[in-house]
Structures are given as structure tokens and as C-alpha cells.
Amino acid sequence: MSTNFFGQVYEVVKKIPFGKVTTYGAIATYLGSGASARTVGWAMNNSHQYSNIPAHRVVNRNGLLTGKHHFSGTNLMQQLLESEGLKIEDDKIINFEKHLWDPNKTT
């Protein structure tokens, strides 16, 4: 996938509301490339060079903080999510469905 796809991913991620999360797959589906969840993950791994991308708000389809190793510091992804009111246990968001934002269902 091209850098342009990464840019499209970043534009979606910037729209995730405070206190909400979305998934790699939801972003891929929104961009018309449902089979590209892994590429969305690569985009998120690359996003840390930009300060305005809330990459901590993107998790896997089960609410797991699978991208946490790409954040500097100990448990930074978890800390950022907790600062937005989410509860995390064993690297998984508690009440994940309550916090899930689906870009495919927004108007």
C-alpha cells in the first residue's frame, strides 16, 4: 500500500473522539479495503513520527492493546487511554463495546 493509504488512515484516526477507540479492521473497511487491517496496523506503527495522530485509540477487534510496544515509555498506550476514562486490564479494554467508535456508522 502507498503512503497515500497511510495518510487516509491518519485522517480517520484524527476523527476518533476522546474516550473512544476503534479497530484496525473498522478503519480498513471504512477506507474500502476491508482486507487491509494489517496495513492499517503498519500505518499506526509509522504514525509515531507525527504528534497529532492519536494512535493510542486504535486497538484490535477484541479490544487488545496490540500496538502498545510501538509507544515509548512503559505502558504509555494504556496510560493515555486511562487518562481518557477507559479501564484496562491485562492489556484489554474493559467494556470494549461501550468505548468502540465505528467510522462506518458516523454521518
N, C-alpha and C. Protein backbone atom coordinates (compact mmCIF):
# COMPACT_ATOMS: atom_id res chain seq x y z
N MET A 1 0.84 -1.18 0.00
CA MET A 1 0.00 0.00 0.00
C MET A 1 0.88 1.25 0.00
N SER A 2 0.34 2.29 -0.51
CA SER A 2 1.12 3.51 -0.66
C SER A 2 1.06 4.37 0.59
N THR A 3 1.94 5.34 0.63
CA THR A 3 1.94 6.33 1.70
C THR A 3 0.60 7.06 1.71
N ASN A 4 -0.04 7.21 0.55
CA ASN A 4 -1.33 7.85 0.48
C ASN A 4 -2.36 7.10 1.33
N PHE A 5 -2.31 5.77 1.32
CA PHE A 5 -3.20 4.97 2.17
C PHE A 5 -2.93 5.29 3.64
N PHE A 6 -1.67 5.39 4.01
CA PHE A 6 -1.32 5.74 5.38
C PHE A 6 -1.94 7.10 5.74
N GLY A 7 -1.84 8.05 4.84
CA GLY A 7 -2.43 9.38 5.07
C GLY A 7 -3.93 9.30 5.28
N GLN A 8 -4.60 8.45 4.52
CA GLN A 8 -6.04 8.26 4.68
C GLN A 8 -6.34 7.65 6.05
N VAL A 9 -5.53 6.70 6.46
CA VAL A 9 -5.69 6.09 7.79
C VAL A 9 -5.56 7.17 8.85
N TYR A 10 -4.55 8.02 8.75
CA TYR A 10 -4.32 9.06 9.76
C TYR A 10 -5.49 10.02 9.84
N GLU A 11 -6.10 10.34 8.70
CA GLU A 11 -7.25 11.25 8.72
C GLU A 11 -8.42 10.64 9.47
N VAL A 12 -8.63 9.34 9.32
CA VAL A 12 -9.70 8.66 10.07
C VAL A 12 -9.36 8.65 11.56
N VAL A 13 -8.13 8.32 11.89
CA VAL A 13 -7.72 8.23 13.30
C VAL A 13 -7.88 9.58 14.00
N LYS A 14 -7.63 10.67 13.31
CA LYS A 14 -7.80 12.00 13.90
C LYS A 14 -9.25 12.27 14.28
N LYS A 15 -10.19 11.55 13.70
CA LYS A 15 -11.62 11.75 13.98
C LYS A 15 -12.13 10.94 15.16
N ILE A 16 -11.33 10.03 15.68
CA ILE A 16 -11.78 9.20 16.81
C ILE A 16 -11.99 10.13 18.01
N PRO A 17 -13.20 10.13 18.56
CA PRO A 17 -13.47 11.03 19.69
C PRO A 17 -12.68 10.67 20.95
N PHE A 18 -12.44 11.65 21.77
CA PHE A 18 -11.82 11.49 23.08
C PHE A 18 -12.61 10.44 23.86
N GLY A 19 -11.92 9.49 24.47
CA GLY A 19 -12.59 8.47 25.26
C GLY A 19 -13.15 7.31 24.46
N LYS A 20 -12.87 7.29 23.16
CA LYS A 20 -13.34 6.22 22.29
C LYS A 20 -12.14 5.56 21.62
N VAL A 21 -12.36 4.36 21.12
CA VAL A 21 -11.35 3.64 20.35
C VAL A 21 -12.01 3.05 19.12
N THR A 22 -11.19 2.68 18.16
CA THR A 22 -11.68 1.94 17.00
C THR A 22 -10.67 0.84 16.70
N THR A 23 -10.98 0.05 15.68
CA THR A 23 -10.13 -1.09 15.36
C THR A 23 -9.45 -0.90 14.02
N TYR A 24 -8.40 -1.67 13.83
CA TYR A 24 -7.69 -1.67 12.55
C TYR A 24 -8.66 -2.05 11.43
N GLY A 25 -9.45 -3.07 11.66
CA GLY A 25 -10.40 -3.56 10.66
C GLY A 25 -11.48 -2.56 10.33
N ALA A 26 -11.98 -1.85 11.33
CA ALA A 26 -13.02 -0.84 11.08
C ALA A 26 -12.48 0.28 10.19
N ILE A 27 -11.25 0.67 10.43
CA ILE A 27 -10.63 1.71 9.60
C ILE A 27 -10.45 1.19 8.18
N ALA A 28 -9.95 -0.03 8.04
CA ALA A 28 -9.74 -0.61 6.70
C ALA A 28 -11.07 -0.69 5.94
N THR A 29 -12.12 -1.15 6.61
CA THR A 29 -13.43 -1.24 5.97
C THR A 29 -13.93 0.14 5.55
N TYR A 30 -13.78 1.11 6.43
CA TYR A 30 -14.19 2.49 6.12
C TYR A 30 -13.49 3.02 4.87
N LEU A 31 -12.24 2.65 4.72
CA LEU A 31 -11.46 3.12 3.57
C LEU A 31 -11.68 2.26 2.32
N GLY A 32 -12.61 1.30 2.41
CA GLY A 32 -12.94 0.49 1.24
C GLY A 32 -11.96 -0.63 0.98
N SER A 33 -11.19 -0.98 1.98
CA SER A 33 -10.17 -2.01 1.82
C SER A 33 -10.22 -2.95 3.03
N GLY A 34 -11.36 -3.60 3.20
CA GLY A 34 -11.62 -4.42 4.38
C GLY A 34 -10.57 -5.46 4.70
N ALA A 35 -9.84 -5.92 3.70
CA ALA A 35 -8.82 -6.94 3.94
C ALA A 35 -7.47 -6.34 4.34
N SER A 36 -7.43 -5.05 4.59
CA SER A 36 -6.15 -4.37 4.84
C SER A 36 -5.96 -3.95 6.29
N ALA A 37 -6.57 -4.67 7.22
CA ALA A 37 -6.40 -4.31 8.64
C ALA A 37 -4.93 -4.32 9.04
N ARG A 38 -4.19 -5.28 8.53
CA ARG A 38 -2.77 -5.36 8.87
C ARG A 38 -2.01 -4.13 8.34
N THR A 39 -2.39 -3.65 7.18
CA THR A 39 -1.74 -2.46 6.63
C THR A 39 -2.08 -1.24 7.47
N VAL A 40 -3.30 -1.19 7.99
CA VAL A 40 -3.66 -0.12 8.92
C VAL A 40 -2.73 -0.19 10.14
N GLY A 41 -2.45 -1.40 10.60
CA GLY A 41 -1.51 -1.57 11.71
C GLY A 41 -0.13 -1.03 11.38
N TRP A 42 0.33 -1.29 10.18
CA TRP A 42 1.63 -0.76 9.76
C TRP A 42 1.61 0.77 9.74
N ALA A 43 0.48 1.32 9.28
CA ALA A 43 0.35 2.78 9.27
C ALA A 43 0.42 3.32 10.69
N MET A 44 -0.24 2.62 11.62
CA MET A 44 -0.22 3.08 13.00
C MET A 44 1.18 2.97 13.59
N ASN A 45 1.92 1.93 13.26
CA ASN A 45 3.30 1.80 13.73
C ASN A 45 4.15 2.95 13.22
N ASN A 46 3.84 3.43 12.03
CA ASN A 46 4.59 4.52 11.41
C ASN A 46 4.11 5.89 11.89
N SER A 47 2.97 5.95 12.56
CA SER A 47 2.34 7.24 12.90
C SER A 47 3.05 7.98 14.03
N HIS A 48 3.90 7.31 14.76
CA HIS A 48 4.50 7.92 15.94
C HIS A 48 5.46 9.06 15.61
N GLN A 49 5.77 9.22 14.34
CA GLN A 49 6.61 10.36 13.95
C GLN A 49 5.80 11.66 13.88
N TYR A 50 4.47 11.54 13.98
CA TYR A 50 3.58 12.71 13.93
C TYR A 50 2.95 12.91 15.30
N SER A 51 2.92 14.12 15.77
CA SER A 51 2.40 14.38 17.12
C SER A 51 0.88 14.50 17.16
N ASN A 52 0.23 14.64 16.02
CA ASN A 52 -1.21 14.89 16.02
C ASN A 52 -2.05 13.66 15.68
N ILE A 53 -1.48 12.48 15.73
CA ILE A 53 -2.20 11.25 15.43
C ILE A 53 -2.44 10.51 16.76
N PRO A 54 -3.70 10.38 17.20
CA PRO A 54 -3.97 9.68 18.46
C PRO A 54 -3.95 8.16 18.28
N ALA A 55 -2.78 7.64 17.98
CA ALA A 55 -2.61 6.22 17.67
C ALA A 55 -3.03 5.32 18.82
N HIS A 56 -3.01 5.82 20.04
CA HIS A 56 -3.41 5.02 21.20
C HIS A 56 -4.87 4.61 21.14
N ARG A 57 -5.65 5.25 20.30
CA ARG A 57 -7.09 4.96 20.20
C ARG A 57 -7.41 3.86 19.18
N VAL A 58 -6.39 3.21 18.65
CA VAL A 58 -6.61 2.12 17.69
C VAL A 58 -6.14 0.81 18.31
N VAL A 59 -7.07 -0.15 18.39
CA VAL A 59 -6.80 -1.43 19.04
C VAL A 59 -7.26 -2.56 18.13
N ASN A 60 -7.05 -3.79 18.56
CA ASN A 60 -7.50 -4.89 17.71
C ASN A 60 -9.00 -5.16 17.92
N ARG A 61 -9.54 -6.06 17.16
CA ARG A 61 -11.00 -6.29 17.14
C ARG A 61 -11.55 -6.81 18.46
N ASN A 62 -10.67 -7.25 19.35
CA ASN A 62 -11.10 -7.73 20.66
C ASN A 62 -10.84 -6.72 21.78
N GLY A 63 -10.36 -5.55 21.41
CA GLY A 63 -10.06 -4.53 22.41
C GLY A 63 -8.71 -4.67 23.06
N LEU A 64 -7.83 -5.46 22.46
CA LEU A 64 -6.48 -5.64 23.00
C LEU A 64 -5.55 -4.52 22.53
N LEU A 65 -4.67 -4.10 23.39
CA LEU A 65 -3.69 -3.05 23.06
C LEU A 65 -2.51 -3.67 22.33
N THR A 66 -2.76 -4.17 21.14
CA THR A 66 -1.72 -4.88 20.40
C THR A 66 -0.61 -3.97 19.91
N GLY A 67 -0.85 -2.69 19.80
CA GLY A 67 0.17 -1.76 19.34
C GLY A 67 0.99 -1.13 20.44
N LYS A 68 0.81 -1.59 21.67
CA LYS A 68 1.44 -0.92 22.82
C LYS A 68 2.96 -0.89 22.76
N HIS A 69 3.56 -1.85 22.08
CA HIS A 69 5.02 -1.92 22.03
C HIS A 69 5.63 -0.85 21.13
N HIS A 70 4.79 -0.15 20.38
CA HIS A 70 5.28 0.90 19.49
C HIS A 70 5.23 2.28 20.14
N PHE A 71 4.85 2.32 21.41
CA PHE A 71 4.82 3.58 22.16
C PHE A 71 6.05 3.64 23.05
N SER A 72 6.62 4.84 23.15
CA SER A 72 7.77 5.00 24.03
C SER A 72 7.28 4.99 25.48
N GLY A 73 8.14 4.60 26.37
CA GLY A 73 7.77 4.59 27.78
C GLY A 73 7.05 3.30 28.15
N THR A 74 6.98 3.07 29.45
CA THR A 74 6.32 1.87 29.98
C THR A 74 4.82 2.10 30.03
N ASN A 75 4.07 1.26 29.34
CA ASN A 75 2.60 1.30 29.37
C ASN A 75 2.01 2.64 28.91
N LEU A 76 2.67 3.35 28.02
CA LEU A 76 2.19 4.66 27.60
C LEU A 76 0.81 4.57 26.92
N MET A 77 0.60 3.57 26.06
CA MET A 77 -0.69 3.44 25.39
C MET A 77 -1.80 3.28 26.43
N GLN A 78 -1.57 2.42 27.41
CA GLN A 78 -2.56 2.20 28.46
C GLN A 78 -2.79 3.48 29.25
N GLN A 79 -1.72 4.17 29.59
CA GLN A 79 -1.85 5.40 30.37
C GLN A 79 -2.65 6.45 29.63
N LEU A 80 -2.42 6.57 28.33
CA LEU A 80 -3.16 7.55 27.54
C LEU A 80 -4.65 7.20 27.50
N LEU A 81 -4.96 5.93 27.31
CA LEU A 81 -6.37 5.52 27.30
C LEU A 81 -7.02 5.71 28.67
N GLU A 82 -6.30 5.38 29.71
CA GLU A 82 -6.84 5.56 31.06
C GLU A 82 -7.07 7.04 31.37
N SER A 83 -6.22 7.91 30.82
CA SER A 83 -6.41 9.35 31.04
C SER A 83 -7.67 9.86 30.34
N GLU A 84 -8.19 9.04 29.41
CA GLU A 84 -9.43 9.40 28.71
C GLU A 84 -10.63 8.67 29.31
N GLY A 85 -10.42 7.99 30.44
CA GLY A 85 -11.51 7.37 31.16
C GLY A 85 -11.74 5.89 30.89
N LEU A 86 -10.92 5.26 30.06
CA LEU A 86 -11.07 3.83 29.80
C LEU A 86 -10.37 3.03 30.88
N LYS A 87 -10.90 1.87 31.16
CA LYS A 87 -10.27 0.97 32.12
C LYS A 87 -9.64 -0.19 31.34
N ILE A 88 -8.41 -0.52 31.70
CA ILE A 88 -7.64 -1.55 31.01
C ILE A 88 -7.25 -2.62 32.03
N GLU A 89 -7.41 -3.86 31.65
CA GLU A 89 -6.97 -4.96 32.50
C GLU A 89 -6.34 -6.02 31.61
N ASP A 90 -5.13 -6.43 31.94
CA ASP A 90 -4.39 -7.42 31.14
C ASP A 90 -4.32 -7.02 29.67
N ASP A 91 -4.01 -5.74 29.43
CA ASP A 91 -3.87 -5.18 28.08
C ASP A 91 -5.16 -5.22 27.27
N LYS A 92 -6.30 -5.29 27.92
CA LYS A 92 -7.58 -5.33 27.22
C LYS A 92 -8.52 -4.28 27.81
N ILE A 93 -9.26 -3.60 26.93
CA ILE A 93 -10.20 -2.57 27.36
C ILE A 93 -11.41 -3.24 27.99
N ILE A 94 -11.74 -2.81 29.20
CA ILE A 94 -12.93 -3.29 29.89
C ILE A 94 -14.14 -2.57 29.28
N ASN A 95 -15.22 -3.32 29.06
CA ASN A 95 -16.42 -2.78 28.40
C ASN A 95 -16.08 -2.19 27.04
N PHE A 96 -15.31 -2.94 26.27
CA PHE A 96 -14.83 -2.50 24.97
C PHE A 96 -15.94 -1.96 24.08
N GLU A 97 -17.08 -2.65 24.02
CA GLU A 97 -18.17 -2.24 23.13
C GLU A 97 -18.68 -0.84 23.48
N LYS A 98 -18.65 -0.50 24.76
CA LYS A 98 -19.11 0.82 25.21
C LYS A 98 -18.22 1.94 24.66
N HIS A 99 -16.96 1.64 24.47
CA HIS A 99 -15.99 2.66 24.04
C HIS A 99 -15.68 2.61 22.55
N LEU A 100 -16.30 1.67 21.85
CA LEU A 100 -15.98 1.47 20.42
C LEU A 100 -16.64 2.54 19.55
N TRP A 101 -15.83 3.18 18.73
CA TRP A 101 -16.30 4.14 17.74
C TRP A 101 -16.08 3.50 16.37
N ASP A 102 -17.14 3.41 15.61
CA ASP A 102 -17.07 2.79 14.28
C ASP A 102 -17.20 3.88 13.22
N PRO A 103 -16.13 4.17 12.48
CA PRO A 103 -16.22 5.23 11.46
C PRO A 103 -17.24 4.91 10.38
N ASN A 104 -17.62 3.66 10.24
CA ASN A 104 -18.59 3.27 9.22
C ASN A 104 -20.02 3.61 9.65
N LYS A 105 -20.21 3.98 10.90
CA LYS A 105 -21.55 4.29 11.39
C LYS A 105 -21.72 5.76 11.74
N THR A 106 -20.78 6.59 11.36
CA THR A 106 -20.89 8.01 11.61
C THR A 106 -21.44 8.69 10.37
N THR A 107 -22.03 9.82 10.57
CA THR A 107 -22.59 10.57 9.42
C THR A 107 -21.78 11.77 9.11
